[in-house]
Amino acid sequence: MRLRGRLPWASSSVRLRLLAGLAVLLVAGLVASAVISAVLLEDFLDKRHQNTLEANAERLTRVIGKGPQTADADQLGALLGSPLGTVAVDEDNDVLLSTGSAARADDEVAAVSATAPAGRVVTLEGGDLSAVRIPSPGLIIDRGAAEGTVAPAAVVLTIDTSVDDATTGALIRRQLVLIGGALLVLLGLSVIVLRLGMRPLARMARSADAIAAGSLTERLPTHRNGSEADLLAKAVNRAFDAQARAEATVRSLAADTSHELRTPLSTISGWLDLHRQGGLSGPGLETALEHIENEVGRMRLLVEDLALLARLDAGRPVEQDDVDLTVLAAGVIEDAQIIYPQRDIAMAPAPPAPVIGDAARLQQVLRNLVGNAVQHTPARTSVRVEIALGHESVQLSVIDNGPGISPEDLPRVFERFWRAEASRSRAYGGSGLGLAIVEAIVHAHHGQVDVHSDVGVGTTVTIQLPHGRRP
């Protein structure tokens, strides 16, 4: 499967959105750079023009200040140089002489410069000429034999900025062309980089397709480099693992349930077949009915346990009543002592232990724990219940000094339908759901359950429930 097939250039494509965002950033950055360059260049040129005018005005002022001077018009123009020009005006601001860049707008230069103080640079409307006015007492300008001499009251120096403005315009146009070219090149490189960067996502898509096609052992490739794609792959792999575990649990639950139901159903079917064949009569029929009733009871108990686990797995809330765990435990111990009079079953003295919850379900937890301790240990084993109060929780422990549970079996004690060969035989008639129900009920009460066991020493099952503090 190709990347193009998995990650199309659609409006919702991640690549397209990344490329569009990158294009916007590139255009904004390049245009901003061009604008800033043009503004800085124009500011530099304006300052250079002003400095040029001020420097030449200062030089001419020094020459005039030395006393009466006679200057040839051509020499004056050469002295100032291009792109400078001069406009000589009389006391009435009439133009007597204009040279250089000032010749094309001498009247306007004379009028504008007259409005500003002497020595201040002004710019004509249109922005292509700047001028500065200098008083010229004692200056005589020789215009040649044909025109004679003039004695201007002031001389206006001008500078033509149109050339530099054209240079700025050409720079801007070239920058726009460069921006277009750079944008195309950068976008082309971005497409290549995005194509390479999206390869992990393409591989992840192929692996996901393989898993969807039935390859349940397939997982997304990871490289342990800490990248976002690697973190995403690990998260998706964890989700796939959780799904696989859930599916395995469902399959195992279905298989275990069918296996548990098969035995009583086979027993019932056998007795019914025997009855149809005429093999039961009198006391034998009563015996058959008794066996059938026992097997039906086993199936009813299994169905009720499974229904309870289903309700707890669905997260249905339990009753929220005031419950004294000490009173519940004392009642369970009293019943156990009557049912198993030959066993050493006792409860250590304990203060009231208030909790909030469902009294019937919590009593079921205690019966399951004490029943397990009695049924799955030898007759000489003692069973003891202890209750301790903490600041935030109530702790109840069921302790026996039996053979214990092996370390490899201990992590599985809360699995549904699981039985250890030595201590959890079906001979006891249990469904294999006792501790699973204990764990589910305790968790529904926002508590914790833990099992600690040493082989040859004994087993301790501890539950912790939040302390009951009703206002």
Protein backbone atom coordinates (compact mmCIF):
# COMPACT_ATOMS: atom_id res chain seq x y z
CA MET A 1 0.00 0.00 0.00
CA ARG A 2 1.43 3.33 -1.04
CA LEU A 3 1.57 6.44 1.10
CA ARG A 4 -0.53 8.27 -1.47
CA GLY A 5 -3.24 5.69 -1.05
CA ARG A 6 -3.26 5.95 2.71
CA LEU A 7 -2.67 9.70 3.10
CA PRO A 8 -4.39 11.39 0.12
CA TRP A 9 -4.03 15.06 -0.72
CA ALA A 10 -7.57 15.80 0.42
CA SER A 11 -8.83 18.85 2.23
CA SER A 12 -8.66 16.93 5.49
CA SER A 13 -5.19 15.51 4.81
CA VAL A 14 -2.63 16.15 7.52
CA ARG A 15 0.02 16.65 4.86
CA LEU A 16 -2.05 19.23 3.01
CA ARG A 17 -2.79 21.15 6.18
CA LEU A 18 0.87 21.09 7.19
CA LEU A 19 1.91 22.20 3.72
CA ALA A 20 -0.69 24.99 3.66
CA GLY A 21 0.40 26.20 7.08
CA LEU A 22 4.04 26.07 6.04
CA ALA A 23 3.27 27.98 2.83
CA VAL A 24 1.48 30.70 4.80
CA LEU A 25 4.43 31.00 7.18
CA LEU A 26 6.94 31.10 4.31
CA VAL A 27 4.98 33.75 2.40
CA ALA A 28 4.53 35.85 5.53
CA GLY A 29 8.22 35.54 6.42
CA LEU A 30 9.52 36.30 2.92
CA VAL A 31 7.13 39.23 2.36
CA ALA A 32 7.96 40.64 5.77
CA SER A 33 11.65 40.35 4.98
CA ALA A 34 11.18 42.14 1.63
CA VAL A 35 9.09 44.91 3.17
CA ILE A 36 11.58 45.44 5.98
CA SER A 37 14.48 45.53 3.49
CA ALA A 38 12.69 48.08 1.28
CA VAL A 39 11.78 50.28 4.24
CA LEU A 40 15.33 50.18 5.60
CA LEU A 41 16.80 50.93 2.16
CA GLU A 42 14.44 53.84 1.59
CA ASP A 43 15.20 55.25 5.01
CA PHE A 44 18.94 54.89 4.34
CA LEU A 45 18.66 56.70 1.00
CA ASP A 46 16.53 59.49 2.45
CA LYS A 47 19.07 60.07 5.21
CA ARG A 48 21.90 60.00 2.67
CA HIS A 49 20.14 62.63 0.52
CA GLN A 50 19.56 64.82 3.54
CA ASN A 51 23.16 64.46 4.68
CA THR A 52 24.39 65.28 1.19
CA LEU A 53 22.30 68.44 1.01
CA GLU A 54 23.30 69.52 4.50
CA ALA A 55 27.00 68.89 3.82
CA ASN A 56 26.98 70.87 0.54
CA ALA A 57 24.90 73.65 2.08
CA GLU A 58 27.42 73.94 4.89
CA ARG A 59 30.31 74.02 2.43
CA LEU A 60 28.66 76.71 0.28
CA THR A 61 27.80 78.72 3.39
CA ARG A 62 31.48 78.70 4.40
CA VAL A 63 32.51 79.92 0.97
CA ILE A 64 29.95 82.74 1.00
CA GLY A 65 30.92 83.67 4.55
CA LYS A 66 34.48 84.50 3.46
CA GLY A 67 33.26 87.71 1.80
CA PRO A 68 32.03 88.86 -1.59
CA GLN A 69 32.48 86.07 -4.13
CA THR A 70 32.03 85.85 -7.85
CA ALA A 71 31.21 82.45 -9.28
CA ASP A 72 30.65 81.23 -12.80
CA ALA A 73 27.32 79.42 -13.23
CA ASP A 74 28.95 76.43 -14.90
CA GLN A 75 31.63 76.30 -12.22
CA LEU A 76 28.98 76.40 -9.52
CA GLY A 77 27.14 73.46 -11.10
CA ALA A 78 30.40 71.50 -11.43
CA LEU A 79 31.32 72.33 -7.84
CA LEU A 80 28.14 70.78 -6.52
CA GLY A 81 28.06 67.87 -8.96
CA SER A 82 25.27 65.52 -10.03
CA PRO A 83 22.56 64.83 -8.92
CA LEU A 84 22.67 68.21 -7.17
CA GLY A 85 21.29 71.37 -8.70
CA THR A 86 20.95 75.05 -7.78
CA VAL A 87 18.28 77.71 -7.99
CA ALA A 88 19.32 81.34 -7.47
CA VAL A 89 16.47 83.67 -6.40
CA ASP A 90 16.26 87.39 -5.73
CA GLU A 91 14.61 89.14 -2.81
CA ASP A 92 11.18 88.69 -4.45
CA ASN A 93 11.80 84.94 -4.77
CA ASP A 94 12.01 85.18 -8.55
CA VAL A 95 14.27 82.65 -10.22
CA LEU A 96 17.46 84.19 -11.56
CA LEU A 97 19.32 81.01 -12.43
CA SER A 98 18.77 77.23 -12.26
CA THR A 99 21.20 74.40 -12.93
CA GLY A 100 21.29 70.61 -12.76
CA SER A 101 18.36 68.70 -11.29
CA ALA A 102 16.60 71.95 -10.26
CA ALA A 103 16.12 73.20 -13.84
CA ARG A 104 12.96 71.12 -14.45
CA ALA A 105 11.06 72.55 -11.47
CA ASP A 106 12.86 75.74 -10.48
CA ASP A 107 9.72 77.81 -9.77
CA GLU A 108 8.28 75.06 -7.54
CA VAL A 109 11.64 74.69 -5.76
CA ALA A 110 11.77 78.42 -5.11
CA ALA A 111 8.20 78.49 -3.78
CA VAL A 112 8.54 75.45 -1.50
CA SER A 113 11.94 76.38 -0.09
CA ALA A 114 10.68 79.88 0.80
CA THR A 115 8.20 78.35 3.25
CA ALA A 116 10.90 76.70 5.38
CA PRO A 117 13.60 78.28 7.57
CA ALA A 118 17.02 78.63 6.02
CA GLY A 119 19.11 75.49 6.33
CA ARG A 120 16.12 73.10 6.70
CA VAL A 121 15.72 70.37 4.10
CA VAL A 122 12.27 70.21 2.44
CA THR A 123 10.80 67.76 -0.06
CA LEU A 124 8.72 68.74 -3.03
CA GLU A 125 5.32 67.24 -3.65
CA GLY A 126 5.85 63.98 -5.49
CA GLY A 127 8.94 63.18 -3.41
CA ASP A 128 11.53 63.18 -6.23
CA LEU A 129 13.27 66.46 -5.27
CA SER A 130 14.65 67.66 -1.93
CA ALA A 131 15.90 71.20 -1.35
CA VAL A 132 17.60 73.42 1.19
CA ARG A 133 17.69 77.26 1.07
CA ILE A 134 20.88 79.23 1.90
CA PRO A 135 21.12 83.08 2.14
CA SER A 136 23.84 84.36 -0.21
CA PRO A 137 24.79 87.99 0.66
CA GLY A 138 27.71 89.24 -1.46
CA LEU A 139 27.54 86.34 -3.94
CA ILE A 140 27.67 87.29 -7.62
CA ILE A 141 27.02 84.71 -10.30
CA ASP A 142 28.37 85.29 -13.79
CA ARG A 143 25.97 83.86 -16.35
CA GLY A 144 28.20 84.59 -19.30
CA ALA A 145 28.87 87.51 -21.63
CA ALA A 146 25.39 87.40 -23.15
CA GLU A 147 23.39 87.33 -19.92
CA GLY A 148 25.63 89.20 -17.50
CA THR A 149 25.82 88.76 -13.75
CA VAL A 150 23.23 88.44 -11.02
CA ALA A 151 23.39 88.94 -7.27
CA PRO A 152 20.95 86.39 -5.74
CA ALA A 153 19.46 86.92 -2.29
CA ALA A 154 19.52 83.17 -1.70
CA VAL A 155 20.65 79.96 -3.32
CA VAL A 156 18.57 76.79 -3.12
CA LEU A 157 20.43 73.49 -3.38
CA THR A 158 18.42 70.53 -4.70
CA ILE A 159 19.01 66.81 -5.08
CA ASP A 160 17.18 64.43 -7.42
CA THR A 161 15.89 61.34 -5.52
CA SER A 162 14.06 59.77 -8.45
CA VAL A 163 17.05 57.59 -9.36
CA ASP A 164 17.20 56.11 -5.89
CA ASP A 165 13.41 55.67 -5.86
CA ALA A 166 13.72 53.73 -9.10
CA THR A 167 16.46 51.65 -7.51
CA THR A 168 14.17 50.88 -4.56
CA GLY A 169 11.34 49.91 -6.91
CA ALA A 170 13.62 47.63 -8.90
CA LEU A 171 14.83 46.04 -5.68
CA ILE A 172 11.25 45.38 -4.56
CA ARG A 173 10.36 43.82 -7.94
CA ARG A 174 13.42 41.59 -7.83
CA GLN A 175 12.64 40.59 -4.27
CA LEU A 176 9.12 39.60 -5.30
CA VAL A 177 10.55 37.44 -8.06
CA LEU A 178 13.00 35.90 -5.60
CA ILE A 179 10.19 35.34 -3.11
CA GLY A 180 8.18 33.47 -5.73
CA GLY A 181 11.14 31.32 -6.69
CA ALA A 182 12.16 30.68 -3.10
CA LEU A 183 8.58 29.80 -2.21
CA LEU A 184 8.39 27.23 -5.00
CA VAL A 185 11.72 25.71 -4.01
CA LEU A 186 10.87 25.62 -0.31
CA LEU A 187 7.44 24.15 -0.95
CA GLY A 188 9.00 21.47 -3.14
CA LEU A 189 11.47 20.63 -0.39
CA SER A 190 8.62 20.68 2.13
CA VAL A 191 6.68 18.13 0.09
CA ILE A 192 9.73 15.85 0.10
CA VAL A 193 10.29 16.33 3.84
CA LEU A 194 6.63 15.71 4.60
CA ARG A 195 6.63 12.60 2.45
CA LEU A 196 9.63 11.28 4.38
CA GLY A 197 8.17 12.37 7.72
CA MET A 198 4.84 10.67 6.99
CA ARG A 199 6.43 7.31 6.27
CA PRO A 200 6.03 6.13 9.90
CA LEU A 201 2.31 6.94 9.67
CA ALA A 202 2.07 4.99 6.42
CA ARG A 203 3.75 1.99 8.05
CA MET A 204 1.38 2.33 10.99
CA ALA A 205 -1.58 2.37 8.59
CA ARG A 206 -0.35 -0.80 6.87
CA SER A 207 0.08 -2.55 10.21
CA ALA A 208 -3.40 -1.43 11.30
CA ASP A 209 -4.85 -2.83 8.08
CA ALA A 210 -3.06 -6.11 8.71
CA ILE A 211 -4.49 -6.28 12.24
CA ALA A 212 -7.97 -5.50 10.91
CA ALA A 213 -7.53 -8.28 8.34
CA GLY A 214 -6.99 -10.81 11.14
CA SER A 215 -3.28 -10.72 11.92
CA LEU A 216 -3.82 -10.28 15.65
CA THR A 217 -0.12 -10.64 16.49
CA GLU A 218 0.81 -7.73 14.22
CA ARG A 219 1.76 -4.49 15.98
CA LEU A 220 2.68 -1.00 14.81
CA PRO A 221 6.43 -0.53 14.29
CA THR A 222 8.27 1.43 16.97
CA HIS A 223 11.84 2.74 17.04
CA ARG A 224 12.16 3.96 20.64
CA ASN A 225 13.38 7.36 19.50
CA GLY A 226 10.86 9.35 21.51
CA SER A 227 9.23 10.93 18.44
CA GLU A 228 5.53 11.79 18.31
CA ALA A 229 4.92 9.00 15.79
CA ASP A 230 6.73 6.53 18.04
CA LEU A 231 4.67 7.61 21.07
CA LEU A 232 1.49 7.27 19.00
CA ALA A 233 2.50 3.80 17.82
CA LYS A 234 3.18 2.69 21.39
CA ALA A 235 -0.18 4.03 22.56
CA VAL A 236 -2.02 2.27 19.73
CA ASN A 237 -0.10 -0.94 20.46
CA ARG A 238 -1.19 -0.74 24.09
CA ALA A 239 -4.78 -0.31 22.90
CA PHE A 240 -4.45 -3.35 20.62
CA ASP A 241 -2.93 -5.35 23.48
CA ALA A 242 -5.80 -4.37 25.77
CA GLN A 243 -8.30 -5.33 23.09
CA ALA A 244 -6.53 -8.67 22.57
CA ARG A 245 -6.60 -9.32 26.31
CA ALA A 246 -10.29 -8.43 26.47
CA GLU A 247 -11.09 -10.72 23.57
CA ALA A 248 -9.03 -13.50 25.15
CA THR A 249 -10.88 -12.96 28.43
CA VAL A 250 -14.23 -13.18 26.66
CA ARG A 251 -13.21 -16.34 24.84
CA SER A 252 -11.84 -17.85 28.02
CA LEU A 253 -14.98 -16.87 29.93
CA ALA A 254 -17.20 -18.44 27.31
CA ALA A 255 -15.10 -21.61 27.26
CA ASP A 256 -14.97 -21.84 31.06
CA THR A 257 -18.68 -21.16 31.40
CA SER A 258 -19.57 -23.84 28.85
CA HIS A 259 -17.20 -26.23 30.61
CA GLU A 260 -18.73 -25.50 34.01
CA LEU A 261 -22.24 -26.00 32.66
CA ARG A 262 -21.35 -29.13 30.71
CA THR A 263 -20.80 -31.27 33.83
CA PRO A 264 -24.17 -30.62 35.54
CA LEU A 265 -25.97 -30.80 32.20
CA SER A 266 -24.32 -34.14 31.45
CA THR A 267 -25.33 -35.43 34.88
CA ILE A 268 -28.94 -34.30 34.44
CA SER A 269 -29.05 -35.70 30.90
CA GLY A 270 -27.68 -39.03 32.13
CA TRP A 271 -30.29 -39.42 34.86
CA LEU A 272 -33.08 -38.42 32.45
CA ASP A 273 -31.89 -40.98 29.85
CA LEU A 274 -31.79 -43.63 32.53
CA HIS A 275 -35.34 -42.72 33.55
CA ARG A 276 -36.62 -42.89 29.95
CA GLN A 277 -35.07 -46.34 29.58
CA GLY A 278 -37.07 -47.49 32.60
CA GLY A 279 -34.06 -47.91 34.83
CA LEU A 280 -35.41 -45.74 37.67
CA SER A 281 -38.22 -46.57 40.01
CA GLY A 282 -39.01 -46.29 43.68
CA PRO A 283 -36.05 -45.10 45.82
CA GLY A 284 -33.84 -44.87 42.73
CA LEU A 285 -36.10 -42.20 41.27
CA GLU A 286 -35.87 -40.14 44.43
CA THR A 287 -32.10 -40.41 44.29
CA ALA A 288 -32.09 -39.28 40.66
CA LEU A 289 -34.28 -36.28 41.44
CA GLU A 290 -32.01 -35.35 44.32
CA HIS A 291 -28.96 -35.44 42.02
CA ILE A 292 -30.78 -33.43 39.37
CA GLU A 293 -31.80 -30.85 41.97
CA ASN A 294 -28.20 -30.54 43.15
CA GLU A 295 -26.92 -29.99 39.61
CA VAL A 296 -29.63 -27.44 38.93
CA GLY A 297 -28.53 -25.64 42.09
CA ARG A 298 -24.94 -25.61 40.84
CA MET A 299 -26.03 -24.11 37.52
CA ARG A 300 -28.23 -21.54 39.27
CA LEU A 301 -25.33 -20.50 41.49
CA LEU A 302 -23.02 -20.19 38.47
CA VAL A 303 -25.57 -18.10 36.55
CA GLU A 304 -26.14 -15.83 39.55
CA ASP A 305 -22.39 -15.34 40.02
CA LEU A 306 -21.93 -14.50 36.33
CA ALA A 307 -24.86 -12.08 36.42
CA LEU A 308 -23.38 -10.36 39.49
CA LEU A 309 -19.99 -10.01 37.79
CA ALA A 310 -21.66 -8.63 34.65
CA ARG A 311 -23.47 -5.97 36.70
CA LEU A 312 -20.28 -5.03 38.53
CA ASP A 313 -18.26 -4.95 35.29
CA ALA A 314 -20.85 -2.60 33.81
CA GLY A 315 -20.09 -0.16 36.63
CA ARG A 316 -23.53 -0.15 38.14
CA PRO A 317 -23.46 1.69 41.49
CA VAL A 318 -23.86 -0.27 44.71
CA GLU A 319 -26.07 0.71 47.61
CA GLN A 320 -24.74 3.51 49.81
CA ASP A 321 -25.78 2.68 53.35
CA ASP A 322 -24.08 2.96 56.72
CA VAL A 323 -22.48 -0.42 57.43
CA ASP A 324 -20.48 -1.61 60.44
CA LEU A 325 -17.92 -4.01 59.00
CA THR A 326 -17.20 -5.41 62.48
CA VAL A 327 -20.83 -6.45 62.95
CA LEU A 328 -20.91 -8.06 59.48
CA ALA A 329 -17.69 -9.97 60.13
CA ALA A 330 -18.93 -11.19 63.53
CA GLY A 331 -22.10 -12.55 61.94
CA VAL A 332 -20.15 -14.35 59.20
CA ILE A 333 -17.76 -15.88 61.78
CA GLU A 334 -20.68 -17.03 63.92
CA ASP A 335 -22.31 -18.76 60.92
CA ALA A 336 -19.00 -20.38 59.93
CA GLN A 337 -18.49 -21.71 63.45
CA ILE A 338 -21.91 -23.38 63.28
CA ILE A 339 -21.35 -24.80 59.78
CA TYR A 340 -17.80 -26.00 60.54
CA PRO A 341 -17.82 -26.78 64.28
CA GLN A 342 -14.64 -28.84 64.01
CA ARG A 343 -12.59 -25.93 62.58
CA ASP A 344 -10.73 -23.25 64.53
CA ILE A 345 -12.45 -20.09 63.23
CA ALA A 346 -12.24 -16.90 65.30
CA MET A 347 -12.31 -13.13 65.11
CA ALA A 348 -9.98 -10.85 67.00
CA PRO A 349 -11.61 -8.16 69.17
CA ALA A 350 -12.21 -5.08 67.05
CA PRO A 351 -13.86 -1.65 67.49
CA PRO A 352 -16.78 -0.56 65.27
CA ALA A 353 -15.61 -0.18 61.68
CA PRO A 354 -18.04 2.14 59.82
CA VAL A 355 -18.03 2.05 56.02
CA ILE A 356 -20.44 3.19 53.32
CA GLY A 357 -21.76 0.52 50.97
CA ASP A 358 -24.03 -2.41 50.26
CA ALA A 359 -24.31 -4.60 53.37
CA ALA A 360 -25.43 -7.69 51.43
CA ARG A 361 -22.52 -7.48 48.96
CA LEU A 362 -19.97 -6.81 51.69
CA GLN A 363 -21.34 -9.78 53.62
CA GLN A 364 -20.90 -11.85 50.45
CA VAL A 365 -17.25 -10.74 50.33
CA LEU A 366 -16.68 -11.89 53.91
CA ARG A 367 -18.47 -15.22 53.35
CA ASN A 368 -16.40 -15.90 50.23
CA LEU A 369 -13.11 -15.11 51.97
CA VAL A 370 -13.86 -17.15 55.09
CA GLY A 371 -15.36 -19.98 52.99
CA ASN A 372 -12.27 -20.12 50.77
CA ALA A 373 -9.98 -20.19 53.79
CA VAL A 374 -11.97 -23.07 55.31
CA GLN A 375 -12.58 -25.13 52.17
CA HIS A 376 -9.12 -24.88 50.62
CA THR A 377 -7.02 -25.65 53.70
CA PRO A 378 -6.54 -28.83 55.77
CA ALA A 379 -8.81 -29.51 58.76
CA ARG A 380 -6.13 -28.58 61.29
CA THR A 381 -5.75 -25.08 59.80
CA SER A 382 -7.03 -22.14 61.83
CA VAL A 383 -8.81 -19.15 60.27
CA ARG A 384 -8.67 -15.74 61.92
CA VAL A 385 -10.32 -12.43 60.99
CA GLU A 386 -8.75 -9.14 62.08
CA ILE A 387 -10.04 -5.59 61.61
CA ALA A 388 -7.92 -2.45 61.96
CA LEU A 389 -8.97 1.19 61.64
CA GLY A 390 -6.86 3.66 59.77
CA HIS A 391 -7.20 7.40 59.30
CA GLU A 392 -8.75 7.09 55.85
CA SER A 393 -9.69 3.41 55.55
CA VAL A 394 -10.85 0.26 57.30
CA GLN A 395 -8.68 -2.83 56.85
CA LEU A 396 -10.03 -6.38 57.20
CA SER A 397 -7.72 -9.41 56.98
CA VAL A 398 -8.61 -13.11 56.71
CA ILE A 399 -5.58 -15.10 57.86
CA ASP A 400 -4.93 -18.84 57.76
CA ASN A 401 -1.86 -20.95 58.58
CA GLY A 402 -2.45 -23.44 55.78
CA PRO A 403 -0.07 -24.66 53.08
CA GLY A 404 -0.10 -21.33 51.26
CA ILE A 405 -0.16 -20.53 47.55
CA SER A 406 2.87 -20.92 45.31
CA PRO A 407 4.42 -17.71 43.93
CA GLU A 408 3.62 -18.66 40.32
CA ASP A 409 -0.08 -19.18 41.18
CA LEU A 410 -0.49 -16.11 43.38
CA PRO A 411 -0.97 -13.57 40.51
CA ARG A 412 -3.85 -15.66 39.14
CA VAL A 413 -6.00 -16.06 42.23
CA PHE A 414 -8.45 -13.38 41.08
CA GLU A 415 -8.89 -14.83 37.58
CA ARG A 416 -12.35 -16.11 36.81
CA PHE A 417 -12.76 -19.91 36.82
CA TRP A 418 -9.11 -20.39 37.78
CA ARG A 419 -8.29 -23.11 40.30
CA ALA A 420 -4.96 -24.33 41.59
CA GLU A 421 -4.65 -28.08 41.23
CA ALA A 422 -3.74 -28.72 44.84
CA SER A 423 -6.04 -26.40 46.71
CA ARG A 424 -8.96 -25.36 44.48
CA SER A 425 -10.34 -28.65 43.24
CA ARG A 426 -13.86 -28.90 41.84
CA ALA A 427 -14.46 -31.43 44.57
CA TYR A 428 -15.37 -28.50 46.79
CA GLY A 429 -18.25 -27.65 44.46
CA GLY A 430 -17.13 -24.04 43.90
CA SER A 431 -17.57 -22.19 40.62
CA GLY A 432 -14.10 -20.69 40.59
CA LEU A 433 -15.59 -17.18 40.78
CA GLY A 434 -15.36 -16.54 44.52
CA LEU A 435 -12.26 -14.33 44.62
CA ALA A 436 -13.21 -12.68 41.30
CA ILE A 437 -16.50 -11.62 42.89
CA VAL A 438 -14.63 -10.43 45.98
CA GLU A 439 -12.36 -8.23 43.87
CA ALA A 440 -15.26 -6.83 41.82
CA ILE A 441 -17.37 -5.96 44.88
CA VAL A 442 -14.43 -4.35 46.72
CA HIS A 443 -13.54 -2.26 43.67
CA ALA A 444 -17.20 -1.23 43.33
CA HIS A 445 -16.86 0.15 46.88
CA HIS A 446 -13.69 2.06 45.85
CA GLY A 447 -11.52 -0.29 47.90
CA GLN A 448 -8.51 -2.52 47.34
CA VAL A 449 -7.94 -6.24 47.85
CA ASP A 450 -4.55 -7.93 48.18
CA VAL A 451 -3.32 -11.48 48.75
CA HIS A 452 -0.06 -12.34 50.49
CA SER A 453 1.00 -15.97 50.86
CA ASP A 454 4.07 -17.95 51.89
CA VAL A 455 4.25 -21.64 51.08
CA GLY A 456 4.15 -23.64 54.31
CA VAL A 457 3.30 -20.54 56.39
CA GLY A 458 -0.16 -19.46 55.32
CA THR A 459 -2.20 -16.97 53.34
CA THR A 460 -3.55 -13.53 54.22
CA VAL A 461 -6.25 -11.81 52.16
CA THR A 462 -6.61 -8.10 53.00
CA ILE A 463 -9.32 -5.71 51.89
CA GLN A 464 -9.27 -1.97 52.45
CA LEU A 465 -12.44 0.13 52.26
CA PRO A 466 -12.83 3.90 52.64
CA HIS A 467 -13.76 4.99 56.14
CA GLY A 468 -17.48 5.78 56.44
CA ARG A 469 -17.98 9.44 57.39
CA ARG A 470 -21.51 10.57 56.72
CA PRO A 471 -22.24 14.20 57.70
